Amino acid sequence: MEAVITVVGNDKVGILAQVCTACAEANVNVEEVTQRILRGTFAMIMLVDIQHMECSLDELKESILQEVPTMTVHVMHEDIFNSMHRI
């Protein structure tokens, strides 16, 4: 079972580390990460394994927001993500 996490906002040192820390604390395994910095704006998409997650998706999102409070964060179950992006 997987989820997609997106994080967007002003670039600063440590964003990836902070988001990964929140994931690790929730027993969420980061499987894939892509990130870019576009004129000072940080944009990241993560695919994570939530099979052994020890909280809800909403709680995971709140944990991430506590780590990076100035960023826009979305956490979405893979089934919803796939349904939204199906042609």
Protein backbone atom coordinates (compact mmCIF):
# COMPACT_ATOMS: atom_id res chain seq x y z
CA MET A 1 0.00 0.00 0.00
CA GLU A 2 1.45 3.34 -1.03
CA ALA A 3 0.77 7.06 -0.75
CA VAL A 4 1.98 10.15 -2.58
CA ILE A 5 3.35 13.12 -0.62
CA THR A 6 3.91 16.49 -2.26
CA VAL A 7 5.75 19.39 -0.64
CA VAL A 8 6.03 22.87 -2.20
CA GLY A 9 7.32 26.15 -0.84
CA ASN A 10 10.28 28.46 -0.47
CA ASP A 11 13.56 26.57 -0.57
CA LYS A 12 15.58 26.21 2.63
CA VAL A 13 18.15 23.81 4.02
CA GLY A 14 16.87 20.48 5.35
CA ILE A 15 13.40 20.10 3.84
CA LEU A 16 13.99 16.55 2.60
CA ALA A 17 15.54 15.54 5.94
CA GLN A 18 12.64 17.02 7.92
CA VAL A 19 9.98 15.30 5.81
CA CYS A 20 11.87 11.99 5.96
CA THR A 21 12.13 12.32 9.74
CA ALA A 22 8.35 12.68 10.04
CA CYS A 23 7.90 9.64 7.78
CA ALA A 24 10.37 7.53 9.77
CA GLU A 25 8.67 8.44 13.05
CA ALA A 26 5.37 7.18 11.59
CA ASN A 27 7.03 3.97 10.31
CA VAL A 28 6.50 5.10 6.70
CA ASN A 29 9.15 3.95 4.21
CA VAL A 30 10.23 6.43 1.53
CA GLU A 31 10.51 4.50 -1.74
CA GLU A 32 11.04 7.19 -4.37
CA VAL A 33 11.72 10.93 -4.32
CA THR A 34 11.95 13.54 -7.02
CA GLN A 35 12.64 17.17 -6.22
CA ARG A 36 13.50 20.39 -7.99
CA ILE A 37 14.24 23.94 -7.04
CA LEU A 38 12.59 26.35 -9.47
CA ARG A 39 13.74 29.95 -8.97
CA GLY A 40 13.86 29.52 -5.21
CA THR A 41 10.71 27.37 -4.96
CA PHE A 42 11.23 23.84 -3.67
CA ALA A 43 8.96 21.16 -5.19
CA MET A 44 9.07 17.50 -4.14
CA ILE A 45 7.02 14.40 -4.86
CA MET A 46 7.52 11.29 -2.75
CA LEU A 47 6.13 7.78 -3.15
CA VAL A 48 5.97 6.12 0.26
CA ASP A 49 5.04 2.68 1.56
CA ILE A 50 2.34 3.04 4.23
CA GLN A 51 1.77 -0.66 4.86
CA HIS A 52 3.20 -0.47 8.39
CA MET A 53 2.24 3.15 9.12
CA GLU A 54 1.43 3.79 12.77
CA CYS A 55 -1.00 6.70 12.25
CA SER A 56 -3.61 7.95 9.79
CA LEU A 57 -2.76 9.83 6.59
CA ASP A 58 -4.12 13.02 8.17
CA GLU A 59 -1.86 12.53 11.19
CA LEU A 60 1.12 11.94 8.89
CA LYS A 61 0.34 15.17 7.06
CA GLU A 62 0.15 17.07 10.37
CA SER A 63 3.48 15.59 11.45
CA ILE A 64 5.09 16.73 8.20
CA LEU A 65 3.55 20.19 8.57
CA GLN A 66 5.03 20.45 12.06
CA GLU A 67 8.46 19.80 10.52
CA VAL A 68 8.00 22.22 7.58
CA PRO A 69 5.24 24.62 8.68
CA THR A 70 5.77 27.15 5.88
CA MET A 71 5.37 24.56 3.11
CA THR A 72 2.25 23.34 1.29
CA VAL A 73 1.90 19.60 1.96
CA HIS A 74 -0.46 17.05 0.43
CA VAL A 75 -0.65 13.39 1.45
CA MET A 76 -2.82 11.19 -0.75
CA HIS A 77 -3.47 7.43 -0.79
CA GLU A 78 -2.34 5.85 -4.06
CA ASP A 79 -5.91 4.77 -4.96
CA ILE A 80 -7.18 8.36 -4.84
CA PHE A 81 -4.10 9.65 -6.66
CA ASN A 82 -4.54 7.07 -9.44
CA SER A 83 -8.26 7.81 -9.76
CA MET A 84 -7.63 11.56 -10.05
CA HIS A 85 -4.95 11.11 -12.72
CA ARG A 86 -6.65 8.48 -14.87
CA ILE A 87 -7.62 9.57 -18.36
